Amino acid sequence: MPTPTPETLRALYEEESYFGGEGSGYSQYESQEQEYLATFREDVRRIGEFVPTGRILEVGCGYGYFLKAALDAGYDAYGVDLSPSAVKFADERYPGRVFCGFVEEVPEIQGEKYDVIFASHLIEHVTDPAAFLRSASQLLTPGGLVVMVTPNIRSLLSRVSGSRWVSFKIPEHVSYYDPKTMTELLRRTAFQVTAIDSAYQYYALPFVTSRVRELLHPASRLIPPFERTRLFRDRRIRVTSGSMRVIAALK
């Protein structure tokens, strides 16, 4: 399958249904707010080990869940996203902090400087990742950090899952990385990798078991639906989707 053009992808992300759980995009995005907040609090804590205070720009901010985690931790946080409906949702909660468009074209942030640029599950969507990172570098303070979470094509879950890996999403994901290729990409764009960690996410147990059943089908029919019981249906668990968190400093 040919790589989608930036215009094709932009049209996909601008659709109101992208965060509505229909077809491409995010399933159950609004109803999983508490799970996303728990996930992003881990990212904020990790960022705090390197940059305890300062300005953060999130690229691909969606409904602003990371912004809430960062603002609650005392950061001066802002976000951009291609989805007008997501930006409208986030701007109603955080007026003046969320803007619509590509990071290099949003007028409100041009000329601004940030201590951290955060991008969770974004770089795999970008058709020209080097250009994106160069644009990001123009918005960073000297020695500032870019922090990205992205699927790791060499992760154990990826290798075990094969073609059923949850992060194989076509046409949205145009590139996949492992620690080696990500380090090289960052090196070529004037960044020095500081740390690469396994990234975890919080999900409601029924959501996780639904994904496991998809992976194990047809053998999953042998597993009783225990997650529907009162004891488990509201339980949130911390799991890996085979992603990595990459932290790199601008040289």
Protein backbone atom coordinates (compact mmCIF):
# COMPACT_ATOMS: atom_id res chain seq x y z
CA MET A 1 0.00 0.00 0.00
CA PRO A 2 1.43 3.43 -0.94
CA THR A 3 2.20 5.91 1.83
CA PRO A 4 -0.72 8.34 2.27
CA THR A 5 -0.04 11.97 1.37
CA PRO A 6 0.03 14.61 4.12
CA GLU A 7 -3.19 16.01 2.64
CA THR A 8 -4.93 12.62 2.89
CA LEU A 9 -3.86 12.18 6.50
CA ARG A 10 -4.84 15.71 7.43
CA ALA A 11 -8.32 15.12 6.06
CA LEU A 12 -8.52 11.94 8.17
CA TYR A 13 -7.55 13.71 11.39
CA GLU A 14 -9.87 16.64 10.73
CA GLU A 15 -12.91 14.36 10.56
CA GLU A 16 -15.12 14.77 13.60
CA SER A 17 -15.36 10.98 13.91
CA TYR A 18 -11.57 10.59 14.46
CA PHE A 19 -12.05 10.84 18.22
CA GLY A 20 -15.49 9.28 18.06
CA GLY A 21 -14.54 5.62 17.87
CA GLU A 22 -15.75 5.00 14.33
CA GLY A 23 -13.33 3.41 11.84
CA SER A 24 -9.91 5.05 12.02
CA GLY A 25 -8.84 7.00 15.06
CA TYR A 26 -9.44 6.45 18.74
CA SER A 27 -11.97 4.08 20.23
CA GLN A 28 -13.82 5.23 23.38
CA TYR A 29 -11.59 8.32 23.63
CA GLU A 30 -13.88 10.54 25.70
CA SER A 31 -15.07 7.75 27.99
CA GLN A 32 -11.46 6.78 28.76
CA GLU A 33 -10.47 10.18 30.13
CA GLN A 34 -9.46 8.82 33.56
CA GLU A 35 -7.29 6.12 31.97
CA TYR A 36 -5.55 8.70 29.75
CA LEU A 37 -5.01 11.00 32.73
CA ALA A 38 -3.36 8.19 34.69
CA THR A 39 -1.13 7.40 31.69
CA PHE A 40 -0.12 11.01 31.12
CA ARG A 41 0.65 11.56 34.80
CA GLU A 42 3.38 8.96 34.38
CA ASP A 43 4.77 10.90 31.41
CA VAL A 44 4.67 14.13 33.40
CA ARG A 45 6.48 12.51 36.34
CA ARG A 46 9.19 11.25 33.98
CA ILE A 47 9.54 14.68 32.37
CA GLY A 48 9.85 16.16 35.85
CA GLU A 49 13.02 14.15 36.45
CA PHE A 50 14.70 16.23 33.71
CA VAL A 51 12.70 19.49 33.65
CA PRO A 52 10.93 20.11 36.99
CA THR A 53 9.25 23.36 35.88
CA GLY A 54 8.77 25.35 32.68
CA ARG A 55 6.78 25.60 29.48
CA ILE A 56 5.52 22.52 27.63
CA LEU A 57 4.00 22.29 24.17
CA GLU A 58 2.08 19.13 23.33
CA VAL A 59 1.79 18.32 19.63
CA GLY A 60 -1.29 16.20 18.97
CA CYS A 61 -3.07 17.21 22.16
CA GLY A 62 -6.49 15.71 21.41
CA TYR A 63 -8.97 16.65 24.13
CA GLY A 64 -6.26 18.06 26.39
CA TYR A 65 -5.79 15.16 28.79
CA PHE A 66 -1.99 15.56 28.91
CA LEU A 67 -2.44 19.31 29.31
CA LYS A 68 -4.48 18.73 32.46
CA ALA A 69 -1.81 16.41 33.89
CA ALA A 70 0.92 18.95 33.10
CA LEU A 71 -1.03 21.96 34.38
CA ASP A 72 -1.90 20.10 37.58
CA ALA A 73 1.84 19.47 38.06
CA GLY A 74 2.60 23.19 37.77
CA TYR A 75 3.80 23.41 34.15
CA ASP A 76 2.81 26.21 31.79
CA ALA A 77 1.32 23.89 29.16
CA TYR A 78 -0.06 24.45 25.65
CA GLY A 79 -1.22 22.19 22.84
CA VAL A 80 -1.83 21.95 19.10
CA ASP A 81 -3.89 19.44 17.13
CA LEU A 82 -5.22 18.99 13.60
CA SER A 83 -8.72 18.07 14.75
CA PRO A 84 -11.00 21.14 14.98
CA SER A 85 -13.48 19.24 17.15
CA ALA A 86 -10.74 18.13 19.57
CA VAL A 87 -9.30 21.65 19.74
CA LYS A 88 -12.77 23.06 20.44
CA PHE A 89 -13.27 20.51 23.25
CA ALA A 90 -9.85 21.27 24.81
CA ASP A 91 -10.12 25.04 24.38
CA GLU A 92 -13.37 25.09 26.31
CA ARG A 93 -11.49 23.60 29.25
CA TYR A 94 -8.21 25.48 28.79
CA PRO A 95 -8.97 28.77 27.00
CA GLY A 96 -6.08 30.33 25.12
CA ARG A 97 -3.87 27.26 25.46
CA VAL A 98 -4.91 25.08 22.51
CA PHE A 99 -4.51 25.83 18.79
CA CYS A 100 -5.45 24.09 15.54
CA GLY A 101 -2.98 23.18 12.80
CA PHE A 102 0.44 21.75 12.04
CA VAL A 103 3.09 22.79 14.55
CA GLU A 104 5.01 24.78 11.93
CA GLU A 105 1.96 26.78 10.78
CA VAL A 106 0.14 27.75 13.98
CA PRO A 107 0.74 31.52 14.25
CA GLU A 108 0.16 31.69 18.00
CA ILE A 109 3.26 29.61 18.77
CA GLN A 110 5.70 30.86 16.15
CA GLY A 111 8.51 32.71 17.90
CA GLU A 112 7.61 31.17 21.25
CA LYS A 113 10.06 28.99 23.17
CA TYR A 114 9.30 25.88 25.20
CA ASP A 115 11.38 23.79 27.57
CA VAL A 116 9.69 20.55 26.47
CA ILE A 117 7.82 19.43 23.36
CA PHE A 118 5.72 16.35 24.07
CA ALA A 119 4.24 14.14 21.35
CA SER A 120 2.46 10.94 22.33
CA HIS A 121 1.71 8.51 19.50
CA LEU A 122 2.34 11.14 16.87
CA ILE A 123 5.68 10.54 15.11
CA GLU A 124 4.41 7.29 13.56
CA HIS A 125 1.73 9.37 11.78
CA VAL A 126 4.21 11.86 10.28
CA THR A 127 5.24 11.44 6.63
CA ASP A 128 8.38 13.58 7.06
CA PRO A 129 9.59 12.99 10.63
CA ALA A 130 12.90 14.80 10.12
CA ALA A 131 11.06 17.96 9.02
CA PHE A 132 8.76 17.67 12.04
CA LEU A 133 11.71 17.40 14.44
CA ARG A 134 13.48 20.34 12.81
CA SER A 135 10.31 22.42 13.24
CA ALA A 136 10.12 21.29 16.87
CA SER A 137 13.74 22.28 17.45
CA GLN A 138 12.94 25.87 16.41
CA LEU A 139 10.47 26.09 19.28
CA LEU A 140 12.76 24.71 21.98
CA THR A 141 14.97 26.57 24.40
CA PRO A 142 18.70 25.68 24.22
CA GLY A 143 19.05 22.15 25.59
CA GLY A 144 15.27 21.72 25.60
CA LEU A 145 13.70 18.27 25.43
CA VAL A 146 11.56 16.48 22.91
CA VAL A 147 9.65 13.63 24.55
CA MET A 148 7.88 11.14 22.29
CA VAL A 149 5.87 7.99 22.88
CA THR A 150 5.63 5.71 19.86
CA PRO A 151 5.16 2.02 19.02
CA ASN A 152 8.40 0.00 19.20
CA ILE A 153 8.49 -2.36 16.24
CA ARG A 154 11.10 -4.46 18.06
CA SER A 155 9.12 -4.81 21.28
CA LEU A 156 8.31 -8.24 22.65
CA LEU A 157 4.58 -7.63 22.18
CA SER A 158 5.11 -6.68 18.53
CA ARG A 159 7.12 -9.83 17.83
CA VAL A 160 4.67 -12.09 19.65
CA SER A 161 1.57 -10.51 18.09
CA GLY A 162 2.84 -10.49 14.51
CA SER A 163 0.32 -9.00 12.06
CA ARG A 164 -2.26 -8.72 14.88
CA TRP A 165 -0.20 -6.22 16.87
CA VAL A 166 -2.52 -3.50 18.16
CA SER A 167 -0.23 -0.77 16.80
CA PHE A 168 -0.49 -1.90 13.18
CA LYS A 169 -2.97 0.80 12.09
CA ILE A 170 -3.29 1.47 8.38
CA PRO A 171 -3.34 4.08 6.88
CA GLU A 172 -2.72 6.20 9.99
CA HIS A 173 0.69 4.82 10.92
CA VAL A 174 3.13 5.49 8.10
CA SER A 175 6.40 4.64 9.91
CA TYR A 176 7.53 2.36 12.72
CA TYR A 177 10.62 2.75 14.88
CA ASP A 178 12.83 0.85 17.28
CA PRO A 179 15.38 2.35 19.69
CA LYS A 180 18.15 2.20 17.09
CA THR A 181 16.26 3.86 14.24
CA MET A 182 14.76 6.47 16.55
CA THR A 183 18.20 7.33 17.94
CA GLU A 184 19.54 7.77 14.41
CA LEU A 185 16.60 9.96 13.36
CA LEU A 186 17.12 12.21 16.37
CA ARG A 187 20.87 12.36 15.81
CA ARG A 188 20.31 13.56 12.24
CA THR A 189 18.01 16.33 13.46
CA ALA A 190 20.36 17.77 16.13
CA PHE A 191 19.04 15.86 19.15
CA GLN A 192 20.89 13.66 21.61
CA VAL A 193 18.94 10.77 23.13
CA THR A 194 18.89 10.96 26.92
CA ALA A 195 16.69 7.97 27.74
CA ILE A 196 14.49 5.34 26.13
CA ASP A 197 11.94 3.61 28.38
CA SER A 198 9.12 1.16 27.93
CA ALA A 199 5.87 3.14 27.91
CA TYR A 200 2.80 1.86 29.74
CA GLN A 201 -0.86 2.81 29.49
CA TYR A 202 -3.84 2.51 31.82
CA TYR A 203 -7.02 0.92 30.51
CA ALA A 204 -10.27 -0.41 31.91
CA LEU A 205 -10.02 -4.17 32.24
CA PRO A 206 -12.90 -4.91 29.80
CA PHE A 207 -11.13 -2.83 27.10
CA VAL A 208 -7.89 -4.78 27.58
CA THR A 209 -9.61 -8.16 27.52
CA SER A 210 -11.44 -7.20 24.31
CA ARG A 211 -8.05 -6.56 22.66
CA VAL A 212 -6.64 -9.82 24.03
CA ARG A 213 -9.61 -11.72 22.65
CA GLU A 214 -9.02 -10.17 19.23
CA LEU A 215 -5.39 -11.26 19.40
CA LEU A 216 -6.22 -14.84 20.49
CA HIS A 217 -9.22 -15.40 18.20
CA PRO A 218 -10.61 -18.05 17.73
CA ALA A 219 -9.13 -19.60 20.91
CA SER A 220 -10.48 -16.63 22.89
CA ARG A 221 -13.92 -18.26 22.85
CA LEU A 222 -12.61 -20.65 25.49
CA ILE A 223 -11.96 -17.80 27.95
CA PRO A 224 -14.96 -17.02 30.20
CA PRO A 225 -16.08 -13.34 30.21
CA PHE A 226 -14.92 -12.72 33.77
CA GLU A 227 -14.30 -9.03 33.04
CA ARG A 228 -18.05 -8.42 32.86
CA THR A 229 -18.54 -9.25 36.52
CA ARG A 230 -19.03 -6.45 39.05
CA LEU A 231 -15.67 -7.23 40.66
CA PHE A 232 -13.67 -6.57 37.48
CA ARG A 233 -15.63 -4.36 35.09
CA ASP A 234 -14.55 -1.09 36.74
CA ARG A 235 -10.95 -2.17 37.35
CA ARG A 236 -8.17 -0.19 35.64
CA ILE A 237 -4.86 -1.88 34.92
CA ARG A 238 -1.44 -0.73 33.72
CA VAL A 239 -0.34 -2.55 30.57
CA THR A 240 2.17 -2.26 27.75
CA SER A 241 1.11 -1.89 24.14
CA GLY A 242 4.69 -2.40 22.98
CA SER A 243 5.49 1.32 22.92
CA MET A 244 8.57 3.26 24.01
CA ARG A 245 9.07 6.69 25.56
CA VAL A 246 12.01 8.54 24.02
CA ILE A 247 13.57 11.58 25.70
CA ALA A 248 16.09 13.60 23.72
CA ALA A 249 17.81 16.97 24.28
CA LEU A 250 18.48 19.59 21.65
CA LYS A 251 22.21 19.82 21.06
